[in-house]
N, C-alpha and C. Protein backbone atom coordinates (compact mmCIF):
# COMPACT_ATOMS: atom_id res chain seq x y z
N MET A 1 82.81 102.43 96.41
CA MET A 1 83.43 101.22 95.90
C MET A 1 84.94 101.36 96.00
N THR A 2 85.59 100.49 96.76
CA THR A 2 87.03 100.57 96.91
C THR A 2 87.67 99.30 96.39
N HIS A 3 88.84 99.46 95.81
CA HIS A 3 89.62 98.34 95.31
C HIS A 3 90.92 98.28 96.09
N THR A 4 90.96 97.52 97.16
CA THR A 4 92.17 97.40 97.94
C THR A 4 92.67 95.97 97.86
N LYS A 5 93.97 95.83 97.90
CA LYS A 5 94.57 94.51 97.86
C LYS A 5 94.88 94.09 99.29
N PRO A 6 94.59 92.86 99.66
CA PRO A 6 94.87 92.42 101.02
C PRO A 6 96.36 92.37 101.30
N ASN A 7 96.72 92.63 102.56
CA ASN A 7 98.10 92.56 103.03
C ASN A 7 99.03 93.52 102.29
N LYS A 8 98.52 94.60 101.76
CA LYS A 8 99.37 95.58 101.09
C LYS A 8 99.14 96.93 101.74
N LYS A 9 100.21 97.55 102.18
CA LYS A 9 100.11 98.84 102.84
C LYS A 9 99.84 99.93 101.80
N SER A 10 98.87 100.78 102.05
CA SER A 10 98.52 101.84 101.12
C SER A 10 99.47 103.02 101.28
N SER A 11 99.88 103.58 100.16
CA SER A 11 100.74 104.76 100.20
C SER A 11 99.90 106.00 100.49
N PRO A 12 100.53 107.08 100.94
CA PRO A 12 99.78 108.31 101.18
C PRO A 12 99.09 108.81 99.91
N LEU A 13 99.75 108.65 98.76
CA LEU A 13 99.14 109.07 97.51
C LEU A 13 97.91 108.24 97.19
N HIS A 14 97.97 106.96 97.49
CA HIS A 14 96.81 106.08 97.27
C HIS A 14 95.64 106.53 98.14
N LYS A 15 95.93 106.87 99.38
CA LYS A 15 94.87 107.32 100.29
C LYS A 15 94.25 108.63 99.80
N LEU A 16 95.09 109.54 99.28
CA LEU A 16 94.59 110.80 98.75
C LEU A 16 93.66 110.55 97.56
N PHE A 17 94.08 109.69 96.64
CA PHE A 17 93.24 109.37 95.49
C PHE A 17 91.92 108.76 95.95
N ALA A 18 91.98 107.89 96.93
CA ALA A 18 90.77 107.23 97.41
C ALA A 18 89.77 108.26 97.95
N ARG A 19 90.28 109.27 98.68
CA ARG A 19 89.39 110.32 99.20
C ARG A 19 88.82 111.18 98.08
N GLN A 20 89.66 111.53 97.11
CA GLN A 20 89.23 112.41 96.02
C GLN A 20 88.27 111.72 95.07
N LEU A 21 88.41 110.42 94.91
CA LEU A 21 87.54 109.68 94.00
C LEU A 21 86.08 109.78 94.42
N GLN A 22 85.84 109.82 95.72
CA GLN A 22 84.47 109.92 96.22
C GLN A 22 83.84 111.26 95.84
N LYS A 23 84.64 112.31 95.79
CA LYS A 23 84.13 113.64 95.47
C LYS A 23 83.81 113.81 93.99
N HIS A 24 84.64 113.21 93.12
CA HIS A 24 84.52 113.45 91.69
C HIS A 24 83.74 112.38 90.95
N GLN A 25 83.53 111.25 91.55
CA GLN A 25 82.76 110.14 91.00
C GLN A 25 83.16 109.74 89.58
N PRO A 26 84.44 109.36 89.36
CA PRO A 26 84.85 108.89 88.04
C PRO A 26 84.32 107.47 87.79
N THR A 27 84.49 106.99 86.57
CA THR A 27 84.03 105.65 86.24
C THR A 27 84.86 104.62 87.00
N ALA A 28 84.37 103.41 87.05
CA ALA A 28 85.08 102.34 87.75
C ALA A 28 86.45 102.09 87.13
N ASN A 29 86.53 102.15 85.80
CA ASN A 29 87.82 101.94 85.13
C ASN A 29 88.82 103.04 85.50
N SER A 30 88.36 104.27 85.55
CA SER A 30 89.23 105.39 85.92
C SER A 30 89.69 105.26 87.37
N GLN A 31 88.79 104.83 88.24
CA GLN A 31 89.16 104.63 89.64
C GLN A 31 90.26 103.59 89.76
N ALA A 32 90.10 102.47 89.08
CA ALA A 32 91.10 101.40 89.16
C ALA A 32 92.44 101.88 88.62
N LEU A 33 92.42 102.62 87.53
CA LEU A 33 93.65 103.12 86.93
C LEU A 33 94.37 104.09 87.85
N LEU A 34 93.63 105.05 88.42
CA LEU A 34 94.24 106.01 89.33
C LEU A 34 94.83 105.34 90.56
N LYS A 35 94.12 104.37 91.11
CA LYS A 35 94.63 103.67 92.29
C LYS A 35 95.86 102.85 91.95
N THR A 36 95.90 102.27 90.77
CA THR A 36 97.09 101.52 90.35
C THR A 36 98.29 102.44 90.28
N PHE A 37 98.11 103.62 89.68
CA PHE A 37 99.20 104.58 89.62
C PHE A 37 99.65 104.98 91.02
N ALA A 38 98.71 105.19 91.91
CA ALA A 38 99.04 105.60 93.27
C ALA A 38 99.81 104.51 94.00
N GLU A 39 99.43 103.25 93.81
CA GLU A 39 100.11 102.14 94.48
C GLU A 39 101.52 101.96 93.95
N ASP A 40 101.71 102.16 92.65
CA ASP A 40 103.02 101.94 92.05
C ASP A 40 103.91 103.16 92.13
N ASP A 41 103.41 104.26 92.67
CA ASP A 41 104.14 105.51 92.70
C ASP A 41 105.47 105.38 93.44
N TYR A 42 105.48 104.74 94.58
CA TYR A 42 106.71 104.64 95.36
C TYR A 42 107.77 103.84 94.61
N GLN A 43 107.36 102.87 93.81
CA GLN A 43 108.32 102.09 93.03
C GLN A 43 108.95 102.94 91.93
N GLN A 44 108.15 103.77 91.29
CA GLN A 44 108.66 104.65 90.24
C GLN A 44 109.64 105.66 90.84
N ILE A 45 109.30 106.22 91.98
CA ILE A 45 110.17 107.18 92.64
C ILE A 45 111.50 106.52 92.99
N ALA A 46 111.45 105.30 93.49
CA ALA A 46 112.68 104.58 93.84
C ALA A 46 113.55 104.35 92.61
N ARG A 47 112.93 104.02 91.47
CA ARG A 47 113.70 103.81 90.23
C ARG A 47 114.38 105.10 89.78
N VAL A 48 113.68 106.21 89.87
CA VAL A 48 114.26 107.49 89.46
C VAL A 48 115.44 107.85 90.35
N ILE A 49 115.27 107.71 91.65
CA ILE A 49 116.35 108.02 92.59
C ILE A 49 117.54 107.11 92.34
N LYS A 50 117.29 105.83 92.09
CA LYS A 50 118.37 104.88 91.80
C LYS A 50 119.15 105.31 90.56
N SER A 51 118.44 105.73 89.52
CA SER A 51 119.13 106.16 88.29
C SER A 51 119.94 107.43 88.54
N TRP A 52 119.41 108.36 89.35
CA TRP A 52 120.16 109.57 89.68
C TRP A 52 121.44 109.23 90.43
N LEU A 53 121.33 108.32 91.40
CA LEU A 53 122.51 107.94 92.18
C LEU A 53 123.55 107.26 91.31
N LYS A 54 123.09 106.42 90.39
CA LYS A 54 124.02 105.73 89.50
C LYS A 54 124.75 106.73 88.61
N LYS A 55 124.02 107.72 88.07
CA LYS A 55 124.64 108.75 87.23
C LYS A 55 125.62 109.59 88.04
N ALA A 56 125.25 109.94 89.25
CA ALA A 56 126.13 110.75 90.10
C ALA A 56 127.40 109.97 90.44
N GLU A 57 127.25 108.68 90.68
CA GLU A 57 128.41 107.85 90.99
C GLU A 57 129.34 107.76 89.79
N GLN A 58 128.79 107.63 88.60
CA GLN A 58 129.61 107.56 87.39
C GLN A 58 130.32 108.88 87.13
N ASN A 59 129.68 109.98 87.43
CA ASN A 59 130.30 111.30 87.23
C ASN A 59 131.40 111.57 88.26
N ASP A 60 131.33 110.96 89.42
CA ASP A 60 132.32 111.18 90.47
C ASP A 60 133.57 110.32 90.30
N LYS A 61 133.48 109.25 89.53
CA LYS A 61 134.64 108.36 89.34
C LYS A 61 135.65 109.03 88.42
N PRO A 62 136.94 109.01 88.80
CA PRO A 62 137.96 109.59 87.91
C PRO A 62 138.17 108.69 86.70
N ALA A 63 138.47 109.30 85.56
CA ALA A 63 138.72 108.53 84.34
C ALA A 63 140.09 107.87 84.45
N HIS A 64 140.19 106.64 83.96
CA HIS A 64 141.47 105.92 83.98
C HIS A 64 142.37 106.46 82.89
N LYS A 65 143.58 106.81 83.25
CA LYS A 65 144.55 107.32 82.27
C LYS A 65 145.58 106.24 82.02
N LYS A 66 145.95 106.11 80.75
CA LYS A 66 146.98 105.11 80.38
C LYS A 66 148.32 105.76 80.25
């Protein structure tokens, strides 16, 4: 049983979860939850990188002296 969304490219992590789910046979709710995490993984990674870049940029700016 697979839950794929049309017109959405699967991430490598999603594909890995899909393969592993067949071996471990979790419940349908667990399958859906794991696949949701796998699909949203790239968005979370992008948010973390964005926050790191923003912090690095703030640390690199010189303080204004009066």
